[in-house]
PDB file of N, CA and C in Angstrom:
ATOM      1  N   MET A   1     -21.252   8.513  11.617  1.00  0.00           N
ATOM      2  CA  MET A   1     -20.340   9.231  12.479  1.00  0.00           C
ATOM      3  C   MET A   1     -19.904  10.515  11.790  1.00  0.00           C
ATOM      4  N   ALA A   2     -19.773  11.576  12.553  1.00  0.00           N
ATOM      5  CA  ALA A   2     -19.384  12.864  12.008  1.00  0.00           C
ATOM      6  C   ALA A   2     -17.927  12.828  11.557  1.00  0.00           C
ATOM      7  N   THR A   3     -17.657  13.559  10.512  1.00  0.00           N
ATOM      8  CA  THR A   3     -16.284  13.677  10.041  1.00  0.00           C
ATOM      9  C   THR A   3     -15.502  14.530  11.018  1.00  0.00           C
ATOM     10  N   THR A   4     -14.320  14.093  11.357  1.00  0.00           N
ATOM     11  CA  THR A   4     -13.485  14.868  12.265  1.00  0.00           C
ATOM     12  C   THR A   4     -12.385  15.553  11.476  1.00  0.00           C
ATOM     13  N   VAL A   5     -11.968  16.692  11.960  1.00  0.00           N
ATOM     14  CA  VAL A   5     -10.864  17.447  11.365  1.00  0.00           C
ATOM     15  C   VAL A   5      -9.898  17.834  12.471  1.00  0.00           C
ATOM     16  N   LYS A   6      -8.651  17.945  12.116  1.00  0.00           N
ATOM     17  CA  LYS A   6      -7.654  18.385  13.080  1.00  0.00           C
ATOM     18  C   LYS A   6      -7.605  19.903  13.070  1.00  0.00           C
ATOM     19  N   VAL A   7      -7.465  20.465  14.258  1.00  0.00           N
ATOM     20  CA  VAL A   7      -7.323  21.916  14.393  1.00  0.00           C
ATOM     21  C   VAL A   7      -6.124  22.192  15.306  1.00  0.00           C
ATOM     22  N   ALA A   8      -5.571  23.352  15.136  1.00  0.00           N
ATOM     23  CA  ALA A   8      -4.469  23.773  16.008  1.00  0.00           C
ATOM     24  C   ALA A   8      -4.969  24.915  16.871  1.00  0.00           C
ATOM     25  N   ILE A   9      -4.786  24.776  18.171  1.00  0.00           N
ATOM     26  CA  ILE A   9      -5.168  25.850  19.083  1.00  0.00           C
ATOM     27  C   ILE A   9      -3.982  26.141  19.992  1.00  0.00           C
ATOM     28  N   SER A  10      -3.927  27.344  20.512  1.00  0.00           N
ATOM     29  CA  SER A  10      -2.856  27.733  21.427  1.00  0.00           C
ATOM     30  C   SER A  10      -3.384  27.676  22.852  1.00  0.00           C
ATOM     31  N   ILE A  11      -2.672  26.954  23.704  1.00  0.00           N
ATOM     32  CA  ILE A  11      -3.048  26.794  25.104  1.00  0.00           C
ATOM     33  C   ILE A  11      -1.786  27.002  25.941  1.00  0.00           C
ATOM     34  N   PRO A  12      -1.878  27.806  26.992  1.00  0.00           N
ATOM     35  CA  PRO A  12      -0.709  27.962  27.864  1.00  0.00           C
ATOM     36  C   PRO A  12      -0.236  26.602  28.392  1.00  0.00           C
ATOM     37  N   ALA A  13       1.063  26.448  28.542  1.00  0.00           N
ATOM     38  CA  ALA A  13       1.662  25.167  28.931  1.00  0.00           C
ATOM     39  C   ALA A  13       1.079  24.616  30.225  1.00  0.00           C
ATOM     40  N   ASP A  14       0.859  25.484  31.224  1.00  0.00           N
ATOM     41  CA  ASP A  14       0.324  24.987  32.498  1.00  0.00           C
ATOM     42  C   ASP A  14      -1.105  24.468  32.341  1.00  0.00           C
ATOM     43  N   GLU A  15      -1.881  25.104  31.478  1.00  0.00           N
ATOM     44  CA  GLU A  15      -3.244  24.621  31.230  1.00  0.00           C
ATOM     45  C   GLU A  15      -3.222  23.297  30.473  1.00  0.00           C
ATOM     46  N   LEU A  16      -2.287  23.164  29.531  1.00  0.00           N
ATOM     47  CA  LEU A  16      -2.173  21.912  28.790  1.00  0.00           C
ATOM     48  C   LEU A  16      -1.795  20.774  29.736  1.00  0.00           C
ATOM     49  N   ALA A  17      -0.934  21.058  30.676  1.00  0.00           N
ATOM     50  CA  ALA A  17      -0.562  20.037  31.667  1.00  0.00           C
ATOM     51  C   ALA A  17      -1.780  19.625  32.485  1.00  0.00           C
ATOM     52  N   SER A  18      -2.624  20.576  32.844  1.00  0.00           N
ATOM     53  CA  SER A  18      -3.848  20.265  33.592  1.00  0.00           C
ATOM     54  C   SER A  18      -4.814  19.449  32.740  1.00  0.00           C
ATOM     55  N   ILE A  19      -4.905  19.791  31.461  1.00  0.00           N
ATOM     56  CA  ILE A  19      -5.771  19.053  30.545  1.00  0.00           C
ATOM     57  C   ILE A  19      -5.287  17.611  30.422  1.00  0.00           C
ATOM     58  N   ASP A  20      -3.993  17.450  30.221  1.00  0.00           N
ATOM     59  CA  ASP A  20      -3.436  16.103  30.088  1.00  0.00           C
ATOM     60  C   ASP A  20      -3.638  15.288  31.364  1.00  0.00           C
ATOM     61  N   SER A  21      -3.451  15.931  32.506  1.00  0.00           N
ATOM     62  CA  SER A  21      -3.655  15.248  33.787  1.00  0.00           C
ATOM     63  C   SER A  21      -5.116  14.811  33.943  1.00  0.00           C
ATOM     64  N   ALA A  22      -6.029  15.706  33.591  1.00  0.00           N
ATOM     65  CA  ALA A  22      -7.459  15.385  33.687  1.00  0.00           C
ATOM     66  C   ALA A  22      -7.827  14.263  32.722  1.00  0.00           C
ATOM     67  N   ALA A  23      -7.241  14.269  31.536  1.00  0.00           N
ATOM     68  CA  ALA A  23      -7.525  13.217  30.557  1.00  0.00           C
ATOM     69  C   ALA A  23      -7.033  11.870  31.077  1.00  0.00           C
ATOM     70  N   ARG A  24      -5.828  11.843  31.639  1.00  0.00           N
ATOM     71  CA  ARG A  24      -5.309  10.580  32.192  1.00  0.00           C
ATOM     72  C   ARG A  24      -6.196  10.077  33.325  1.00  0.00           C
ATOM     73  N   LYS A  25      -6.593  10.997  34.190  1.00  0.00           N
ATOM     74  CA  LYS A  25      -7.451  10.633  35.324  1.00  0.00           C
ATOM     75  C   LYS A  25      -8.757  10.013  34.840  1.00  0.00           C
ATOM     76  N   ARG A  26      -9.295  10.520  33.739  1.00  0.00           N
ATOM     77  CA  ARG A  26     -10.567  10.025  33.202  1.00  0.00           C
ATOM     78  C   ARG A  26     -10.374   8.875  32.206  1.00  0.00           C
ATOM     79  N   LYS A  27      -9.115   8.516  31.992  1.00  0.00           N
ATOM     80  CA  LYS A  27      -8.782   7.439  31.036  1.00  0.00           C
ATOM     81  C   LYS A  27      -9.357   7.741  29.643  1.00  0.00           C
ATOM     82  N   THR A  28      -9.096   8.939  29.194  1.00  0.00           N
ATOM     83  CA  THR A  28      -9.548   9.358  27.872  1.00  0.00           C
ATOM     84  C   THR A  28      -8.419  10.126  27.201  1.00  0.00           C
ATOM     85  N   THR A  29      -8.669  10.561  25.997  1.00  0.00           N
ATOM     86  CA  THR A  29      -7.654  11.323  25.271  1.00  0.00           C
ATOM     87  C   THR A  29      -7.826  12.814  25.527  1.00  0.00           C
ATOM     88  N   ARG A  30      -6.769  13.532  25.245  1.00  0.00           N
ATOM     89  CA  ARG A  30      -6.819  14.996  25.332  1.00  0.00           C
ATOM     90  C   ARG A  30      -7.929  15.517  24.424  1.00  0.00           C
ATOM     91  N   SER A  31      -7.974  15.003  23.197  1.00  0.00           N
ATOM     92  CA  SER A  31      -8.988  15.465  22.239  1.00  0.00           C
ATOM     93  C   SER A  31     -10.404  15.218  22.752  1.00  0.00           C
ATOM     94  N   GLU A  32     -10.639  14.026  23.294  1.00  0.00           N
ATOM     95  CA  GLU A  32     -11.981  13.701  23.792  1.00  0.00           C
ATOM     96  C   GLU A  32     -12.355  14.591  24.966  1.00  0.00           C
ATOM     97  N   LEU A  33     -11.400  14.841  25.851  1.00  0.00           N
ATOM     98  CA  LEU A  33     -11.667  15.718  26.999  1.00  0.00           C
ATOM     99  C   LEU A  33     -12.045  17.120  26.524  1.00  0.00           C
ATOM    100  N   ILE A  34     -11.279  17.636  25.583  1.00  0.00           N
ATOM    101  CA  ILE A  34     -11.555  18.990  25.072  1.00  0.00           C
ATOM    102  C   ILE A  34     -12.882  19.008  24.320  1.00  0.00           C
ATOM    103  N   ARG A  35     -13.158  17.983  23.483  1.00  0.00           N
ATOM    104  CA  ARG A  35     -14.452  17.913  22.770  1.00  0.00           C
ATOM    105  C   ARG A  35     -15.612  17.907  23.754  1.00  0.00           C
ATOM    106  N   THR A  36     -15.475  17.095  24.802  1.00  0.00           N
ATOM    107  CA  THR A  36     -16.534  16.992  25.807  1.00  0.00           C
ATOM    108  C   THR A  36     -16.741  18.324  26.519  1.00  0.00           C
ATOM    109  N   ALA A  37     -15.637  18.961  26.885  1.00  0.00           N
ATOM    110  CA  ALA A  37     -15.735  20.250  27.580  1.00  0.00           C
ATOM    111  C   ALA A  37     -16.384  21.314  26.695  1.00  0.00           C
ATOM    112  N   VAL A  38     -15.984  21.361  25.440  1.00  0.00           N
ATOM    113  CA  VAL A  38     -16.565  22.344  24.520  1.00  0.00           C
ATOM    114  C   VAL A  38     -18.047  22.055  24.300  1.00  0.00           C
ATOM    115  N   ALA A  39     -18.398  20.789  24.124  1.00  0.00           N
ATOM    116  CA  ALA A  39     -19.813  20.423  23.933  1.00  0.00           C
ATOM    117  C   ALA A  39     -20.640  20.834  25.148  1.00  0.00           C
ATOM    118  N   ARG A  40     -20.084  20.625  26.340  1.00  0.00           N
ATOM    119  CA  ARG A  40     -20.801  20.997  27.564  1.00  0.00           C
ATOM    120  C   ARG A  40     -21.003  22.510  27.642  1.00  0.00           C
ATOM    121  N   VAL A  41     -19.965  23.267  27.324  1.00  0.00           N
ATOM    122  CA  VAL A  41     -20.076  24.732  27.351  1.00  0.00           C
ATOM    123  C   VAL A  41     -21.130  25.203  26.351  1.00  0.00           C
ATOM    124  N   LEU A  42     -21.102  24.635  25.145  1.00  0.00           N
ATOM    125  CA  LEU A  42     -22.083  25.036  24.129  1.00  0.00           C
ATOM    126  C   LEU A  42     -23.503  24.661  24.535  1.00  0.00           C
ATOM    127  N   ALA A  43     -23.681  23.494  25.141  1.00  0.00           N
ATOM    128  CA  ALA A  43     -25.011  23.073  25.597  1.00  0.00           C
ATOM    129  C   ALA A  43     -25.507  23.988  26.718  1.00  0.00           C
ATOM    130  N   GLU A  44     -24.614  24.328  27.655  1.00  0.00           N
ATOM    131  CA  GLU A  44     -25.003  25.226  28.745  1.00  0.00           C
ATOM    132  C   GLU A  44     -25.381  26.600  28.208  1.00  0.00           C
ATOM    133  N   GLU A  45     -24.629  27.071  27.216  1.00  0.00           N
ATOM    134  CA  GLU A  45     -24.933  28.365  26.604  1.00  0.00           C
ATOM    135  C   GLU A  45     -26.292  28.327  25.911  1.00  0.00           C
ATOM    136  N   ALA A  46     -26.568  27.260  25.189  1.00  0.00           N
ATOM    137  CA  ALA A  46     -27.862  27.120  24.506  1.00  0.00           C
ATOM    138  C   ALA A  46     -28.999  27.069  25.517  1.00  0.00           C
ATOM    139  N   GLU A  47     -28.786  26.354  26.626  1.00  0.00           N
ATOM    140  CA  GLU A  47     -29.818  26.273  27.660  1.00  0.00           C
ATOM    141  C   GLU A  47     -30.058  27.640  28.305  1.00  0.00           C
ATOM    142  N   ARG A  48     -28.964  28.369  28.577  1.00  0.00           N
ATOM    143  CA  ARG A  48     -29.098  29.722  29.138  1.00  0.00           C
ATOM    144  C   ARG A  48     -29.885  30.622  28.204  1.00  0.00           C
ATOM    145  N   ASP A  49     -29.564  30.552  26.905  1.00  0.00           N
ATOM    146  CA  ASP A  49     -30.285  31.367  25.918  1.00  0.00           C
ATOM    147  C   ASP A  49     -31.766  31.004  25.882  1.00  0.00           C
ATOM    148  N   CYS A  50     -32.054  29.721  25.938  1.00  0.00           N
ATOM    149  CA  CYS A  50     -33.444  29.257  25.930  1.00  0.00           C
ATOM    150  C   CYS A  50     -34.179  29.755  27.174  1.00  0.00           C
ATOM    151  N   ARG A  51     -33.536  29.602  28.336  1.00  0.00           N
ATOM    152  CA  ARG A  51     -34.164  30.077  29.583  1.00  0.00           C
ATOM    153  C   ARG A  51     -34.422  31.575  29.545  1.00  0.00           C
ATOM    154  N   LYS A  52     -33.480  32.330  28.967  1.00  0.00           N
ATOM    155  CA  LYS A  52     -33.663  33.776  28.874  1.00  0.00           C
ATOM    156  C   LYS A  52     -34.861  34.107  27.992  1.00  0.00           C
ATOM    157  N   ARG A  53     -34.988  33.395  26.857  1.00  0.00           N
ATOM    158  CA  ARG A  53     -36.141  33.650  25.986  1.00  0.00           C
ATOM    159  C   ARG A  53     -37.447  33.323  26.706  1.00  0.00           C
ATOM    160  N   ILE A  54     -37.457  32.234  27.466  1.00  0.00           N
ATOM    161  CA  ILE A  54     -38.661  31.866  28.220  1.00  0.00           C
ATOM    162  C   ILE A  54     -38.943  32.908  29.298  1.00  0.00           C
ATOM    163  N   ASP A  55     -37.906  33.312  30.044  1.00  0.00           N
ATOM    164  CA  ASP A  55     -38.086  34.335  31.078  1.00  0.00           C
ATOM    165  C   ASP A  55     -38.602  35.631  30.475  1.00  0.00           C
ATOM    166  N   ASP A  56     -38.033  36.020  29.330  1.00  0.00           N
ATOM    167  CA  ASP A  56     -38.487  37.240  28.658  1.00  0.00           C
ATOM    168  C   ASP A  56     -39.954  37.118  28.247  1.00  0.00           C
ATOM    169  N   LEU A  57     -40.322  35.957  27.722  1.00  0.00           N
ATOM    170  CA  LEU A  57     -41.704  35.735  27.303  1.00  0.00           C
ATOM    171  C   LEU A  57     -42.656  35.868  28.490  1.00  0.00           C
ATOM    172  N   PHE A  58     -42.321  35.185  29.597  1.00  0.00           N
ATOM    173  CA  PHE A  58     -43.232  35.170  30.729  1.00  0.00           C
ATOM    174  C   PHE A  58     -43.144  36.422  31.594  1.00  0.00           C
ATOM    175  N   SER A  59     -42.261  37.355  31.245  1.00  0.00           N
ATOM    176  CA  SER A  59     -42.259  38.631  31.946  1.00  0.00           C
ATOM    177  C   SER A  59     -43.055  39.679  31.169  1.00  0.00           C
ATOM    178  N   ASP A  60     -43.543  39.307  29.990  1.00  0.00           N
ATOM    179  CA  ASP A  60     -44.369  40.193  29.178  1.00  0.00           C
ATOM    180  C   ASP A  60     -45.724  40.362  29.860  1.00  0.00           C
ATOM    181  N   PRO A  61     -46.143  41.607  30.121  1.00  0.00           N
ATOM    182  CA  PRO A  61     -47.415  41.841  30.827  1.00  0.00           C
ATOM    183  C   PRO A  61     -48.624  41.175  30.161  1.00  0.00           C
ATOM    184  N   ASP A  62     -48.658  41.142  28.833  1.00  0.00           N
ATOM    185  CA  ASP A  62     -49.781  40.504  28.137  1.00  0.00           C
ATOM    186  C   ASP A  62     -49.797  38.999  28.395  1.00  0.00           C
ATOM    187  N   VAL A  63     -48.624  38.389  28.395  1.00  0.00           N
ATOM    188  CA  VAL A  63     -48.540  36.950  28.652  1.00  0.00           C
ATOM    189  C   VAL A  63     -48.924  36.662  30.099  1.00  0.00           C
ATOM    190  N   ILE A  64     -48.462  37.498  31.016  1.00  0.00           N
ATOM    191  CA  ILE A  64     -48.813  37.332  32.434  1.00  0.00           C
ATOM    192  C   ILE A  64     -50.329  37.384  32.603  1.00  0.00           C
ATOM    193  N   ARG A  65     -50.960  38.351  31.966  1.00  0.00           N
ATOM    194  CA  ARG A  65     -52.417  38.487  32.058  1.00  0.00           C
ATOM    195  C   ARG A  65     -53.114  37.257  31.480  1.00  0.00           C
ATOM    196  N   ASP A  66     -52.642  36.815  30.313  1.00  0.00           N
ATOM    197  CA  ASP A  66     -53.245  35.636  29.677  1.00  0.00           C
ATOM    198  C   ASP A  66     -53.061  34.394  30.547  1.00  0.00           C
ATOM    199  N   GLN A  67     -51.892  34.230  31.130  1.00  0.00           N
ATOM    200  CA  GLN A  67     -51.628  33.074  31.990  1.00  0.00           C
ATOM    201  C   GLN A  67     -52.522  33.113  33.235  1.00  0.00           C
ATOM    202  N   ARG A  68     -52.681  34.292  33.807  1.00  0.00           N
ATOM    203  CA  ARG A  68     -53.535  34.428  34.995  1.00  0.00           C
ATOM    204  C   ARG A  68     -54.988  34.085  34.645  1.00  0.00           C
ATOM    205  N   GLN A  69     -55.446  34.577  33.509  1.00  0.00           N
ATOM    206  CA  GLN A  69     -56.821  34.292  33.087  1.00  0.00           C
ATOM    207  C   GLN A  69     -57.005  32.793  32.844  1.00  0.00           C
ATOM    208  N   THR A  70     -56.038  32.177  32.211  1.00  0.00           N
ATOM    209  CA  THR A  70     -56.116  30.735  31.963  1.00  0.00           C
ATOM    210  C   THR A  70     -56.144  29.968  33.274  1.00  0.00           C
ATOM    211  N   ALA A  71     -55.287  30.354  34.215  1.00  0.00           N
ATOM    212  CA  ALA A  71     -55.237  29.675  35.515  1.00  0.00           C
ATOM    213  C   ALA A  71     -56.548  29.848  36.265  1.00  0.00           C
ATOM    214  N   GLU A  72     -57.116  31.044  36.226  1.00  0.00           N
ATOM    215  CA  GLU A  72     -58.393  31.273  36.908  1.00  0.00           C
ATOM    216  C   GLU A  72     -59.501  30.451  36.273  1.00  0.00           C
ATOM    217  N   GLN A  73     -59.493  30.348  34.948  1.00  0.00           N
ATOM    218  CA  GLN A  73     -60.512  29.556  34.263  1.00  0.00           C
ATOM    219  C   GLN A  73     -60.359  28.080  34.610  1.00  0.00           C
ATOM    220  N   MET A  74     -59.108  27.615  34.651  1.00  0.00           N
ATOM    221  CA  MET A  74     -58.872  26.216  35.011  1.00  0.00           C
ATOM    222  C   MET A  74     -59.323  25.944  36.443  1.00  0.00           C
ATOM    223  N   ALA A  75     -59.096  26.900  37.337  1.00  0.00           N
ATOM    224  CA  ALA A  75     -59.518  26.733  38.727  1.00  0.00           C
ATOM    225  C   ALA A  75     -61.036  26.617  38.795  1.00  0.00           C
ATOM    226  N   CYS A  76     -61.716  27.422  38.016  1.00  0.00           N
ATOM    227  CA  CYS A  76     -63.181  27.350  37.987  1.00  0.00           C
ATOM    228  C   CYS A  76     -63.642  26.020  37.401  1.00  0.00           C
ATOM    229  N   ASP A  77     -62.988  25.592  36.358  1.00  0.00           N
ATOM    230  CA  ASP A  77     -63.354  24.336  35.698  1.00  0.00           C
ATOM    231  C   ASP A  77     -63.163  23.134  36.619  1.00  0.00           C
ATOM    232  N   PHE A  78     -62.189  23.223  37.523  1.00  0.00           N
ATOM    233  CA  PHE A  78     -61.880  22.099  38.396  1.00  0.00           C
ATOM    234  C   PHE A  78     -62.351  22.305  39.824  1.00  0.00           C
ATOM    235  N   GLY A  79     -63.245  23.260  40.030  1.00  0.00           N
ATOM    236  CA  GLY A  79     -63.839  23.452  41.343  1.00  0.00           C
ATOM    237  C   GLY A  79     -62.954  24.187  42.340  1.00  0.00           C
ATOM    238  N   GLY A  80     -61.941  24.863  41.864  1.00  0.00           N
ATOM    239  CA  GLY A  80     -61.052  25.591  42.780  1.00  0.00           C
ATOM    240  C   GLY A  80     -61.302  27.085  42.753  1.00  0.00           C
ATOM    241  N   ALA A  81     -62.528  27.482  42.494  1.00  0.00           N
ATOM    242  CA  ALA A  81     -62.834  28.896  42.328  1.00  0.00           C
ATOM    243  C   ALA A  81     -62.595  29.707  43.595  1.00  0.00           C
ATOM    244  N   GLU A  82     -62.561  29.051  44.774  1.00  0.00           N
ATOM    245  CA  GLU A  82     -62.349  29.808  46.007  1.00  0.00           C
ATOM    246  C   GLU A  82     -60.901  30.247  46.158  1.00  0.00           C
ATOM    247  N   GLU A  83     -59.973  29.658  45.370  1.00  0.00           N
ATOM    248  CA  GLU A  83     -58.580  30.058  45.452  1.00  0.00           C
ATOM    249  C   GLU A  83     -58.356  31.300  44.603  1.00  0.00           C
ATOM    250  N   THR A  84     -57.513  32.186  45.107  1.00  0.00           N
ATOM    251  CA  THR A  84     -57.183  33.384  44.327  1.00  0.00           C
ATOM    252  C   THR A  84     -55.866  33.152  43.603  1.00  0.00           C
ATOM    253  N   TRP A  85     -55.779  33.699  42.429  1.00  0.00           N
ATOM    254  CA  TRP A  85     -54.581  33.549  41.627  1.00  0.00           C
ATOM    255  C   TRP A  85     -53.909  34.855  41.548  1.00  0.00           C
TER     256      TRP A  85
END
Protein backbone atom coordinates (compact mmCIF):
# COMPACT_ATOMS: atom_id res chain seq x y z
CA MET A 1 0.00 0.00 0.00
CA ALA A 2 1.23 3.48 -0.82
CA THR A 3 2.34 5.72 1.99
CA THR A 4 -0.15 8.47 2.65
CA VAL A 5 0.66 11.99 3.80
CA LYS A 6 -1.57 14.71 5.11
CA VAL A 7 -1.79 17.92 3.11
CA ALA A 8 -3.55 21.19 3.75
CA ILE A 9 -5.50 22.78 0.94
CA SER A 10 -7.75 25.83 0.84
CA ILE A 11 -11.31 25.28 -0.37
CA PRO A 12 -14.15 27.79 -0.28
CA ALA A 13 -16.66 26.92 2.47
CA ASP A 14 -19.55 26.34 0.04
CA GLU A 15 -17.45 23.92 -2.01
CA LEU A 16 -16.37 22.08 1.14
CA ALA A 17 -20.02 21.70 2.10
CA SER A 18 -20.72 20.20 -1.34
CA ILE A 19 -17.75 17.86 -0.98
CA ASP A 20 -18.92 16.71 2.44
CA SER A 21 -22.46 16.21 1.15
CA ALA A 22 -21.20 14.17 -1.81
CA ALA A 23 -19.00 12.08 0.49
CA ARG A 24 -21.93 11.30 2.80
CA LYS A 25 -24.11 10.41 -0.18
CA ARG A 26 -21.45 7.97 -1.41
CA LYS A 27 -20.79 6.66 2.11
CA THR A 28 -17.12 7.53 1.90
CA THR A 29 -14.74 9.98 3.49
CA ARG A 30 -13.94 13.48 2.33
CA SER A 31 -10.35 12.37 1.71
CA GLU A 32 -11.40 9.37 -0.39
CA LEU A 33 -13.79 11.49 -2.45
CA ILE A 34 -11.09 14.07 -3.15
CA ARG A 35 -8.47 11.35 -3.91
CA THR A 36 -10.88 9.69 -6.33
CA ALA A 37 -11.75 12.98 -8.02
CA VAL A 38 -8.10 13.96 -8.41
CA ALA A 39 -7.18 10.50 -9.74
CA ARG A 40 -10.00 10.74 -12.28
CA VAL A 41 -8.90 14.20 -13.44
CA LEU A 42 -5.29 13.04 -13.81
CA ALA A 43 -6.34 9.90 -15.72
CA GLU A 44 -8.55 11.96 -18.06
CA GLU A 45 -5.69 14.39 -18.64
CA ALA A 46 -3.29 11.53 -19.43
CA GLU A 47 -5.82 10.01 -21.83
CA ARG A 48 -6.34 13.38 -23.55
CA ASP A 49 -2.58 13.78 -23.94
CA CYS A 50 -2.28 10.27 -25.36
CA ARG A 51 -5.13 10.86 -27.82
CA LYS A 52 -3.53 14.12 -28.93
CA ARG A 53 -0.21 12.37 -29.58
CA ILE A 54 -2.02 9.68 -31.59
CA ASP A 55 -4.04 12.29 -33.52
CA ASP A 56 -0.86 14.24 -34.24
CA LEU A 57 0.88 11.07 -35.43
CA PHE A 58 -1.94 10.05 -37.75
CA SER A 59 -2.30 13.55 -39.18
CA ASP A 60 1.31 13.40 -40.42
CA PRO A 61 1.21 13.19 -44.25
CA ASP A 62 3.95 10.52 -44.31
CA VAL A 63 2.05 8.34 -41.85
CA ILE A 64 -1.18 8.84 -43.81
CA ARG A 65 0.58 7.73 -46.99
CA ASP A 66 2.13 4.71 -45.27
CA GLN A 67 -1.22 3.71 -43.74
CA ARG A 68 -2.97 4.02 -47.10
CA GLN A 69 -0.31 1.89 -48.78
CA THR A 70 -0.56 -0.74 -46.06
CA ALA A 71 -4.36 -0.80 -46.33
CA GLU A 72 -4.21 -1.14 -50.12
CA GLN A 73 -1.70 -3.98 -49.83
CA MET A 74 -3.87 -5.73 -47.26
CA ALA A 75 -6.89 -5.34 -49.54
CA CYS A 76 -4.94 -6.96 -52.36
CA ASP A 77 -3.72 -9.74 -50.09
CA PHE A 78 -7.28 -10.51 -48.98
CA GLY A 79 -8.96 -10.24 -52.37
CA GLY A 80 -10.45 -6.79 -51.85
CA ALA A 81 -8.51 -5.12 -54.63
CA GLU A 82 -11.72 -3.77 -56.22
CA GLU A 83 -12.26 -1.49 -53.20
CA THR A 84 -10.66 1.93 -53.27
CA TRP A 85 -8.93 3.29 -50.23
